Amino acid sequence: MLPLFLLANLMTGAANLMLDSLLVPDMQAIGIVCLYMVLVCCVAFGLHSNNIQLKHGSKQASSNVTKHA
């Protein structure tokens, strides 16, 4: 999840560098947001469908905690 979050942040930064968000018309802004969502979802779906993990799963921290009666 973290790599996808970082990708989304990089895409947000790129959009902010390329566009002056205060001057973009409403419909164009909605289109940009929709394109942004589609791209992030396509990357997530592509990674999932190809069984690509960017970070190896680790045991949950709670499994290392011993339970006392």
PDB file of N, CA and C in Angstrom:
ATOM      1  N   MET A   1       0.817  -1.196   0.000  1.00  0.00           N
ATOM      2  CA  MET A   1       0.000   0.000   0.000  1.00  0.00           C
ATOM      3  C   MET A   1       0.865   1.266   0.000  1.00  0.00           C
ATOM      4  N   LEU A   2       1.960   1.240   0.730  1.00  0.00           N
ATOM      5  CA  LEU A   2       2.796   2.432   0.806  1.00  0.00           C
ATOM      6  C   LEU A   2       3.347   2.860  -0.562  1.00  0.00           C
ATOM      7  N   PRO A   3       3.845   1.928  -1.387  1.00  0.00           N
ATOM      8  CA  PRO A   3       4.334   2.367  -2.707  1.00  0.00           C
ATOM      9  C   PRO A   3       3.238   3.014  -3.563  1.00  0.00           C
ATOM     10  N   LEU A   4       2.031   2.492  -3.472  1.00  0.00           N
ATOM     11  CA  LEU A   4       0.923   3.090  -4.229  1.00  0.00           C
ATOM     12  C   LEU A   4       0.606   4.488  -3.701  1.00  0.00           C
ATOM     13  N   PHE A   5       0.639   4.646  -2.382  1.00  0.00           N
ATOM     14  CA  PHE A   5       0.422   5.953  -1.769  1.00  0.00           C
ATOM     15  C   PHE A   5       1.496   6.944  -2.224  1.00  0.00           C
ATOM     16  N   LEU A   6       2.744   6.491  -2.264  1.00  0.00           N
ATOM     17  CA  LEU A   6       3.833   7.366  -2.706  1.00  0.00           C
ATOM     18  C   LEU A   6       3.680   7.745  -4.175  1.00  0.00           C
ATOM     19  N   LEU A   7       3.253   6.780  -5.010  1.00  0.00           N
ATOM     20  CA  LEU A   7       3.000   7.084  -6.414  1.00  0.00           C
ATOM     21  C   LEU A   7       1.906   8.136  -6.556  1.00  0.00           C
ATOM     22  N   ALA A   8       0.834   7.978  -5.784  1.00  0.00           N
ATOM     23  CA  ALA A   8      -0.260   8.945  -5.839  1.00  0.00           C
ATOM     24  C   ALA A   8       0.227  10.332  -5.424  1.00  0.00           C
ATOM     25  N   ASN A   9       1.083  10.401  -4.408  1.00  0.00           N
ATOM     26  CA  ASN A   9       1.622  11.694  -3.983  1.00  0.00           C
ATOM     27  C   ASN A   9       2.509  12.312  -5.056  1.00  0.00           C
ATOM     28  N   LEU A  10       3.310  11.480  -5.728  1.00  0.00           N
ATOM     29  CA  LEU A  10       4.150  11.998  -6.812  1.00  0.00           C
ATOM     30  C   LEU A  10       3.295  12.523  -7.960  1.00  0.00           C
ATOM     31  N   MET A  11       2.213  11.821  -8.266  1.00  0.00           N
ATOM     32  CA  MET A  11       1.311  12.276  -9.327  1.00  0.00           C
ATOM     33  C   MET A  11       0.635  13.587  -8.942  1.00  0.00           C
ATOM     34  N   THR A  12       0.279  13.727  -7.677  1.00  0.00           N
ATOM     35  CA  THR A  12      -0.315  14.977  -7.205  1.00  0.00           C
ATOM     36  C   THR A  12       0.676  16.128  -7.349  1.00  0.00           C
ATOM     37  N   GLY A  13       1.920  15.871  -6.964  1.00  0.00           N
ATOM     38  CA  GLY A  13       2.958  16.895  -7.100  1.00  0.00           C
ATOM     39  C   GLY A  13       3.188  17.286  -8.548  1.00  0.00           C
ATOM     40  N   ALA A  14       3.202  16.289  -9.436  1.00  0.00           N
ATOM     41  CA  ALA A  14       3.390  16.573 -10.868  1.00  0.00           C
ATOM     42  C   ALA A  14       2.238  17.412 -11.407  1.00  0.00           C
ATOM     43  N   ALA A  15       1.016  17.077 -11.004  1.00  0.00           N
ATOM     44  CA  ALA A  15      -0.140  17.857 -11.459  1.00  0.00           C
ATOM     45  C   ALA A  15      -0.061  19.291 -10.942  1.00  0.00           C
ATOM     46  N   ASN A  16       0.360  19.448  -9.703  1.00  0.00           N
ATOM     47  CA  ASN A  16       0.467  20.793  -9.135  1.00  0.00           C
ATOM     48  C   ASN A  16       1.559  21.618  -9.801  1.00  0.00           C
ATOM     49  N   LEU A  17       2.619  20.955 -10.257  1.00  0.00           N
ATOM     50  CA  LEU A  17       3.683  21.678 -10.949  1.00  0.00           C
ATOM     51  C   LEU A  17       3.268  22.072 -12.363  1.00  0.00           C
ATOM     52  N   MET A  18       2.458  21.254 -13.019  1.00  0.00           N
ATOM     53  CA  MET A  18       2.079  21.513 -14.414  1.00  0.00           C
ATOM     54  C   MET A  18       0.906  22.468 -14.544  1.00  0.00           C
ATOM     55  N   LEU A  19       0.047  22.537 -13.535  1.00  0.00           N
ATOM     56  CA  LEU A  19      -1.184  23.317 -13.638  1.00  0.00           C
ATOM     57  C   LEU A  19      -1.271  24.360 -12.533  1.00  0.00           C
ATOM     58  N   ASP A  20      -1.852  25.488 -12.868  1.00  0.00           N
ATOM     59  CA  ASP A  20      -2.205  26.468 -11.845  1.00  0.00           C
ATOM     60  C   ASP A  20      -3.642  26.164 -11.442  1.00  0.00           C
ATOM     61  N   SER A  21      -3.794  25.470 -10.323  1.00  0.00           N
ATOM     62  CA  SER A  21      -5.099  24.916  -9.949  1.00  0.00           C
ATOM     63  C   SER A  21      -6.179  25.978  -9.740  1.00  0.00           C
ATOM     64  N   LEU A  22      -5.795  27.181  -9.428  1.00  0.00           N
ATOM     65  CA  LEU A  22      -6.791  28.236  -9.224  1.00  0.00           C
ATOM     66  C   LEU A  22      -7.369  28.753 -10.542  1.00  0.00           C
ATOM     67  N   LEU A  23      -6.658  28.521 -11.632  1.00  0.00           N
ATOM     68  CA  LEU A  23      -7.106  29.035 -12.928  1.00  0.00           C
ATOM     69  C   LEU A  23      -7.769  27.975 -13.816  1.00  0.00           C
ATOM     70  N   VAL A  24      -7.790  26.729 -13.362  1.00  0.00           N
ATOM     71  CA  VAL A  24      -8.371  25.644 -14.162  1.00  0.00           C
ATOM     72  C   VAL A  24      -9.889  25.691 -14.043  1.00  0.00           C
ATOM     73  N   PRO A  25     -10.605  25.648 -15.173  1.00  0.00           N
ATOM     74  CA  PRO A  25     -12.078  25.623 -15.122  1.00  0.00           C
ATOM     75  C   PRO A  25     -12.592  24.372 -14.405  1.00  0.00           C
ATOM     76  N   ASP A  26     -13.801  24.466 -13.884  1.00  0.00           N
ATOM     77  CA  ASP A  26     -14.370  23.388 -13.069  1.00  0.00           C
ATOM     78  C   ASP A  26     -14.406  22.050 -13.794  1.00  0.00           C
ATOM     79  N   MET A  27     -14.912  22.013 -15.007  1.00  0.00           N
ATOM     80  CA  MET A  27     -15.046  20.753 -15.728  1.00  0.00           C
ATOM     81  C   MET A  27     -13.685  20.139 -16.045  1.00  0.00           C
ATOM     82  N   GLN A  28     -12.711  20.977 -16.337  1.00  0.00           N
ATOM     83  CA  GLN A  28     -11.362  20.475 -16.590  1.00  0.00           C
ATOM     84  C   GLN A  28     -10.764  19.911 -15.301  1.00  0.00           C
ATOM     85  N   ALA A  29     -11.015  20.549 -14.178  1.00  0.00           N
ATOM     86  CA  ALA A  29     -10.522  20.061 -12.890  1.00  0.00           C
ATOM     87  C   ALA A  29     -11.137  18.706 -12.551  1.00  0.00           C
ATOM     88  N   ILE A  30     -12.425  18.551 -12.812  1.00  0.00           N
ATOM     89  CA  ILE A  30     -13.089  17.265 -12.564  1.00  0.00           C
ATOM     90  C   ILE A  30     -12.486  16.187 -13.467  1.00  0.00           C
ATOM     91  N   GLY A  31     -12.221  16.524 -14.711  1.00  0.00           N
ATOM     92  CA  GLY A  31     -11.594  15.577 -15.628  1.00  0.00           C
ATOM     93  C   GLY A  31     -10.209  15.160 -15.164  1.00  0.00           C
ATOM     94  N   ILE A  32      -9.439  16.105 -14.647  1.00  0.00           N
ATOM     95  CA  ILE A  32      -8.093  15.810 -14.149  1.00  0.00           C
ATOM     96  C   ILE A  32      -8.168  14.876 -12.944  1.00  0.00           C
ATOM     97  N   VAL A  33      -9.091  15.150 -12.031  1.00  0.00           N
ATOM     98  CA  VAL A  33      -9.248  14.299 -10.849  1.00  0.00           C
ATOM     99  C   VAL A  33      -9.691  12.892 -11.255  1.00  0.00           C
ATOM    100  N   CYS A  34     -10.603  12.797 -12.210  1.00  0.00           N
ATOM    101  CA  CYS A  34     -11.057  11.482 -12.680  1.00  0.00           C
ATOM    102  C   CYS A  34      -9.910  10.713 -13.335  1.00  0.00           C
ATOM    103  N   LEU A  35      -9.121  11.390 -14.158  1.00  0.00           N
ATOM    104  CA  LEU A  35      -7.969  10.754 -14.785  1.00  0.00           C
ATOM    105  C   LEU A  35      -6.970  10.287 -13.723  1.00  0.00           C
ATOM    106  N   TYR A  36      -6.745  11.104 -12.731  1.00  0.00           N
ATOM    107  CA  TYR A  36      -5.848  10.774 -11.619  1.00  0.00           C
ATOM    108  C   TYR A  36      -6.335   9.509 -10.909  1.00  0.00           C
ATOM    109  N   MET A  37      -7.630   9.436 -10.597  1.00  0.00           N
ATOM    110  CA  MET A  37      -8.182   8.266  -9.914  1.00  0.00           C
ATOM    111  C   MET A  37      -8.074   7.010 -10.782  1.00  0.00           C
ATOM    112  N   VAL A  38      -8.347   7.150 -12.079  1.00  0.00           N
ATOM    113  CA  VAL A  38      -8.265   6.005 -12.978  1.00  0.00           C
ATOM    114  C   VAL A  38      -6.832   5.495 -13.059  1.00  0.00           C
ATOM    115  N   LEU A  39      -5.865   6.391 -13.150  1.00  0.00           N
ATOM    116  CA  LEU A  39      -4.469   5.972 -13.233  1.00  0.00           C
ATOM    117  C   LEU A  39      -4.019   5.242 -11.968  1.00  0.00           C
ATOM    118  N   VAL A  40      -4.362   5.770 -10.797  1.00  0.00           N
ATOM    119  CA  VAL A  40      -3.979   5.122  -9.547  1.00  0.00           C
ATOM    120  C   VAL A  40      -4.653   3.754  -9.436  1.00  0.00           C
ATOM    121  N   CYS A  41      -5.927   3.677  -9.782  1.00  0.00           N
ATOM    122  CA  CYS A  41      -6.650   2.398  -9.714  1.00  0.00           C
ATOM    123  C   CYS A  41      -6.085   1.400 -10.715  1.00  0.00           C
ATOM    124  N   CYS A  42      -5.722   1.849 -11.915  1.00  0.00           N
ATOM    125  CA  CYS A  42      -5.152   0.942 -12.914  1.00  0.00           C
ATOM    126  C   CYS A  42      -3.805   0.393 -12.456  1.00  0.00           C
ATOM    127  N   VAL A  43      -2.988   1.220 -11.856  1.00  0.00           N
ATOM    128  CA  VAL A  43      -1.704   0.743 -11.327  1.00  0.00           C
ATOM    129  C   VAL A  43      -1.950  -0.281 -10.221  1.00  0.00           C
ATOM    130  N   ALA A  44      -2.865   0.016  -9.301  1.00  0.00           N
ATOM    131  CA  ALA A  44      -3.163  -0.914  -8.211  1.00  0.00           C
ATOM    132  C   ALA A  44      -3.711  -2.231  -8.766  1.00  0.00           C
ATOM    133  N   PHE A  45      -4.631  -2.152  -9.727  1.00  0.00           N
ATOM    134  CA  PHE A  45      -5.206  -3.358 -10.317  1.00  0.00           C
ATOM    135  C   PHE A  45      -4.152  -4.152 -11.077  1.00  0.00           C
ATOM    136  N   GLY A  46      -3.303  -3.454 -11.819  1.00  0.00           N
ATOM    137  CA  GLY A  46      -2.243  -4.134 -12.560  1.00  0.00           C
ATOM    138  C   GLY A  46      -1.276  -4.865 -11.648  1.00  0.00           C
ATOM    139  N   LEU A  47      -0.893  -4.222 -10.572  1.00  0.00           N
ATOM    140  CA  LEU A  47       0.002  -4.873  -9.611  1.00  0.00           C
ATOM    141  C   LEU A  47      -0.672  -6.081  -8.978  1.00  0.00           C
ATOM    142  N   HIS A  48      -1.928  -5.931  -8.601  1.00  0.00           N
ATOM    143  CA  HIS A  48      -2.655  -7.021  -7.954  1.00  0.00           C
ATOM    144  C   HIS A  48      -2.896  -8.185  -8.909  1.00  0.00           C
ATOM    145  N   SER A  49      -3.322  -7.889 -10.118  1.00  0.00           N
ATOM    146  CA  SER A  49      -3.651  -8.965 -11.067  1.00  0.00           C
ATOM    147  C   SER A  49      -2.414  -9.722 -11.527  1.00  0.00           C
ATOM    148  N   ASN A  50      -1.250  -9.083 -11.495  1.00  0.00           N
ATOM    149  CA  ASN A  50      -0.003  -9.754 -11.869  1.00  0.00           C
ATOM    150  C   ASN A  50       0.740 -10.310 -10.661  1.00  0.00           C
ATOM    151  N   ASN A  51       0.095 -10.278  -9.506  1.00  0.00           N
ATOM    152  CA  ASN A  51       0.670 -10.809  -8.261  1.00  0.00           C
ATOM    153  C   ASN A  51       2.005 -10.158  -7.929  1.00  0.00           C
ATOM    154  N   ILE A  52       2.127  -8.873  -8.161  1.00  0.00           N
ATOM    155  CA  ILE A  52       3.356  -8.143  -7.882  1.00  0.00           C
ATOM    156  C   ILE A  52       3.217  -7.473  -6.525  1.00  0.00           C
ATOM    157  N   GLN A  53       4.156  -7.799  -5.633  1.00  0.00           N
ATOM    158  CA  GLN A  53       4.179  -7.159  -4.316  1.00  0.00           C
ATOM    159  C   GLN A  53       5.430  -6.308  -4.234  1.00  0.00           C
ATOM    160  N   LEU A  54       5.256  -5.046  -3.954  1.00  0.00           N
ATOM    161  CA  LEU A  54       6.391  -4.148  -3.857  1.00  0.00           C
ATOM    162  C   LEU A  54       7.019  -4.175  -2.470  1.00  0.00           C
ATOM    163  N   LYS A  55       6.325  -4.787  -1.532  1.00  0.00           N
ATOM    164  CA  LYS A  55       6.852  -4.937  -0.183  1.00  0.00           C
ATOM    165  C   LYS A  55       6.442  -6.317   0.299  1.00  0.00           C
ATOM    166  N   HIS A  56       7.374  -7.070   0.802  1.00  0.00           N
ATOM    167  CA  HIS A  56       7.049  -8.399   1.305  1.00  0.00           C
ATOM    168  C   HIS A  56       6.210  -8.282   2.552  1.00  0.00           C
ATOM    169  N   GLY A  57       5.206  -9.114   2.652  1.00  0.00           N
ATOM    170  CA  GLY A  57       4.347  -9.123   3.828  1.00  0.00           C
ATOM    171  C   GLY A  57       5.118  -9.586   5.047  1.00  0.00           C
ATOM    172  N   SER A  58       4.849  -8.986   6.156  1.00  0.00           N
ATOM    173  CA  SER A  58       5.486  -9.385   7.402  1.00  0.00           C
ATOM    174  C   SER A  58       4.404  -9.719   8.410  1.00  0.00           C
ATOM    175  N   LYS A  59       4.801 -10.395   9.451  1.00  0.00           N
ATOM    176  CA  LYS A  59       3.838 -10.747  10.488  1.00  0.00           C
ATOM    177  C   LYS A  59       3.347  -9.483  11.167  1.00  0.00           C
ATOM    178  N   GLN A  60       2.119  -9.532  11.590  1.00  0.00           N
ATOM    179  CA  GLN A  60       1.562  -8.380  12.282  1.00  0.00           C
ATOM    180  C   GLN A  60       2.245  -8.225  13.632  1.00  0.00           C
ATOM    181  N   ALA A  61       2.379  -7.008  14.074  1.00  0.00           N
ATOM    182  CA  ALA A  61       3.036  -6.741  15.338  1.00  0.00           C
ATOM    183  C   ALA A  61       2.295  -7.393  16.495  1.00  0.00           C
ATOM    184  N   SER A  62       0.977  -7.521  16.371  1.00  0.00           N
ATOM    185  CA  SER A  62       0.199  -8.088  17.467  1.00  0.00           C
ATOM    186  C   SER A  62       0.484  -9.584  17.639  1.00  0.00           C
ATOM    187  N   SER A  63       0.990 -10.263  16.605  1.00  0.00           N
ATOM    188  CA  SER A  63       1.272 -11.682  16.728  1.00  0.00           C
ATOM    189  C   SER A  63       2.507 -11.931  17.575  1.00  0.00           C
ATOM    190  N   ASN A  64       3.350 -10.919  17.742  1.00  0.00           N
ATOM    191  CA  ASN A  64       4.557 -11.063  18.554  1.00  0.00           C
ATOM    192  C   ASN A  64       4.282 -10.795  20.027  1.00  0.00           C
ATOM    193  N   VAL A  65       3.122 -10.328  20.348  1.00  0.00           N
ATOM    194  CA  VAL A  65       2.785 -10.000  21.723  1.00  0.00           C
ATOM    195  C   VAL A  65       2.238 -11.251  22.396  1.00  0.00           C
ATOM    196  N   THR A  66       2.791 -11.574  23.547  1.00  0.00           N
ATOM    197  CA  THR A  66       2.286 -12.730  24.269  1.00  0.00           C
ATOM    198  C   THR A  66       1.084 -12.316  25.085  1.00  0.00           C
ATOM    199  N   LYS A  67       0.098 -13.198  25.142  1.00  0.00           N
ATOM    200  CA  LYS A  67      -1.115 -12.903  25.877  1.00  0.00           C
ATOM    201  C   LYS A  67      -1.019 -13.479  27.274  1.00  0.00           C
ATOM    202  N   HIS A  68      -1.358 -12.674  28.254  1.00  0.00           N
ATOM    203  CA  HIS A  68      -1.337 -13.129  29.644  1.00  0.00           C
ATOM    204  C   HIS A  68      -2.757 -13.404  30.091  1.00  0.00           C
ATOM    205  N   ALA A  69      -2.902 -14.480  30.865  1.00  0.00           N
ATOM    206  CA  ALA A  69      -4.240 -14.858  31.349  1.00  0.00           C
ATOM    207  C   ALA A  69      -4.630 -14.093  32.598  1.00  0.00           C
TER     208      ALA A  69
END
